[in-house]
Structure formats: structure tokens, C-alpha cells
Amino acid sequence: MEIPLEILAEAGISPGTRLLVFSDGEGRIVLRRVDDAINDLLREGTL
């Protein structure tokens, strides 16, 4: 999957940032920074 750099920059995501891509169950594709996703899993038990 390729995402234009402009979209990533607008979201504050730098080149080389590790991302997790998953479906939220409602048909949307979600991109999360891996570090943010891990912190949410540890704190809340969910993404």
C-alpha cells in the first residue's frame, strides 16, 4: 500500500515511521503509529 507523502505529512507522520494498518470493523482502514498502538494496547487493552 502506498500513501502519498503529502497525506502522511499532513497527519504528522514522518518518513520511516513504523505504522500499523488494520480494519476497524466498520469497513474503514486505520493507520496508527506502532508505538501509539502498543501504548494503547498496554493501557486500555484495545486499539
N, C-alpha and C. Protein backbone atom coordinates (compact mmCIF):
# COMPACT_ATOMS: atom_id res chain seq x y z
N MET A 1 0.85 -1.16 0.00
CA MET A 1 0.00 0.00 0.00
C MET A 1 0.90 1.23 0.00
N GLU A 2 0.62 2.16 -0.89
CA GLU A 2 1.36 3.41 -0.93
C GLU A 2 0.43 4.56 -0.60
N ILE A 3 0.92 5.43 0.24
CA ILE A 3 0.17 6.62 0.62
C ILE A 3 1.01 7.82 0.24
N PRO A 4 0.41 8.79 -0.45
CA PRO A 4 1.19 9.98 -0.85
C PRO A 4 1.82 10.66 0.36
N LEU A 5 3.04 11.12 0.19
CA LEU A 5 3.79 11.77 1.26
C LEU A 5 3.05 12.97 1.83
N GLU A 6 2.31 13.68 0.98
CA GLU A 6 1.57 14.86 1.45
C GLU A 6 0.54 14.49 2.51
N ILE A 7 -0.12 13.36 2.33
CA ILE A 7 -1.13 12.91 3.30
C ILE A 7 -0.47 12.54 4.62
N LEU A 8 0.65 11.84 4.53
CA LEU A 8 1.37 11.47 5.75
C LEU A 8 1.89 12.71 6.47
N ALA A 9 2.42 13.67 5.73
CA ALA A 9 2.94 14.89 6.34
C ALA A 9 1.81 15.67 7.02
N GLU A 10 0.65 15.72 6.38
CA GLU A 10 -0.49 16.42 6.97
C GLU A 10 -0.91 15.78 8.29
N ALA A 11 -0.74 14.47 8.39
CA ALA A 11 -1.10 13.75 9.62
C ALA A 11 0.03 13.76 10.65
N GLY A 12 1.16 14.39 10.30
CA GLY A 12 2.27 14.46 11.24
C GLY A 12 3.10 13.19 11.30
N ILE A 13 3.05 12.40 10.24
CA ILE A 13 3.81 11.14 10.19
C ILE A 13 5.05 11.35 9.31
N SER A 14 6.21 11.15 9.89
CA SER A 14 7.48 11.34 9.18
C SER A 14 7.83 10.11 8.36
N PRO A 15 8.58 10.30 7.27
CA PRO A 15 9.07 9.14 6.52
C PRO A 15 9.87 8.22 7.44
N GLY A 16 9.68 6.94 7.30
CA GLY A 16 10.38 5.96 8.12
C GLY A 16 9.65 5.57 9.40
N THR A 17 8.54 6.26 9.71
CA THR A 17 7.75 5.92 10.89
C THR A 17 7.08 4.57 10.68
N ARG A 18 7.20 3.70 11.66
CA ARG A 18 6.56 2.38 11.57
C ARG A 18 5.07 2.53 11.83
N LEU A 19 4.25 1.98 10.91
CA LEU A 19 2.80 2.10 11.01
C LEU A 19 2.16 0.73 11.12
N LEU A 20 1.04 0.69 11.80
CA LEU A 20 0.19 -0.49 11.89
C LEU A 20 -1.07 -0.17 11.11
N VAL A 21 -1.45 -1.06 10.20
CA VAL A 21 -2.65 -0.85 9.38
C VAL A 21 -3.62 -1.97 9.70
N PHE A 22 -4.87 -1.59 10.01
CA PHE A 22 -5.88 -2.59 10.34
C PHE A 22 -7.26 -2.06 10.01
N SER A 23 -8.24 -2.95 9.97
CA SER A 23 -9.63 -2.56 9.77
C SER A 23 -10.27 -2.34 11.12
N ASP A 24 -11.08 -1.30 11.23
CA ASP A 24 -11.74 -1.01 12.50
C ASP A 24 -13.04 -1.78 12.67
N GLY A 25 -13.37 -2.64 11.72
CA GLY A 25 -14.57 -3.46 11.81
C GLY A 25 -15.79 -2.80 11.20
N GLU A 26 -15.67 -1.53 10.83
CA GLU A 26 -16.78 -0.81 10.19
C GLU A 26 -16.46 -0.50 8.74
N GLY A 27 -15.46 -1.21 8.19
CA GLY A 27 -15.10 -1.01 6.80
C GLY A 27 -14.04 0.04 6.57
N ARG A 28 -13.58 0.71 7.62
CA ARG A 28 -12.53 1.71 7.47
C ARG A 28 -11.17 1.09 7.71
N ILE A 29 -10.18 1.58 6.98
CA ILE A 29 -8.79 1.18 7.20
C ILE A 29 -8.16 2.24 8.08
N VAL A 30 -7.51 1.79 9.16
CA VAL A 30 -6.91 2.69 10.15
C VAL A 30 -5.40 2.55 10.10
N LEU A 31 -4.70 3.66 10.12
CA LEU A 31 -3.25 3.68 10.23
C LEU A 31 -2.91 4.26 11.60
N ARG A 32 -2.06 3.56 12.34
CA ARG A 32 -1.61 4.04 13.66
C ARG A 32 -0.10 3.90 13.73
N ARG A 33 0.53 4.81 14.41
CA ARG A 33 1.95 4.63 14.70
C ARG A 33 2.08 3.41 15.59
N VAL A 34 3.05 2.57 15.32
CA VAL A 34 3.23 1.34 16.09
C VAL A 34 3.39 1.65 17.58
N ASP A 35 4.18 2.65 17.91
CA ASP A 35 4.39 3.00 19.33
C ASP A 35 3.08 3.40 20.00
N ASP A 36 2.26 4.20 19.30
CA ASP A 36 0.97 4.61 19.86
C ASP A 36 0.05 3.41 20.05
N ALA A 37 0.03 2.51 19.07
CA ALA A 37 -0.83 1.33 19.15
C ALA A 37 -0.42 0.43 20.32
N ILE A 38 0.88 0.23 20.50
CA ILE A 38 1.36 -0.60 21.61
C ILE A 38 1.00 0.03 22.95
N ASN A 39 1.18 1.34 23.07
CA ASN A 39 0.82 2.03 24.32
C ASN A 39 -0.67 1.88 24.62
N ASP A 40 -1.53 2.02 23.61
CA ASP A 40 -2.96 1.85 23.81
C ASP A 40 -3.31 0.43 24.23
N LEU A 41 -2.65 -0.54 23.61
CA LEU A 41 -2.91 -1.94 23.99
C LEU A 41 -2.53 -2.20 25.44
N LEU A 42 -1.41 -1.66 25.87
CA LEU A 42 -0.96 -1.88 27.24
C LEU A 42 -1.84 -1.15 28.26
N ARG A 43 -2.26 0.07 27.92
CA ARG A 43 -3.07 0.88 28.84
C ARG A 43 -4.53 0.45 28.85
N GLU A 44 -5.11 0.29 27.66
CA GLU A 44 -6.55 0.10 27.55
C GLU A 44 -6.97 -1.29 27.10
N GLY A 45 -6.02 -2.06 26.59
CA GLY A 45 -6.34 -3.41 26.12
C GLY A 45 -6.99 -3.43 24.76
N THR A 46 -7.00 -2.29 24.07
CA THR A 46 -7.61 -2.23 22.75
C THR A 46 -6.92 -1.16 21.92
N LEU A 47 -7.11 -1.24 20.61
CA LEU A 47 -6.57 -0.21 19.73
C LEU A 47 -7.59 0.88 19.62
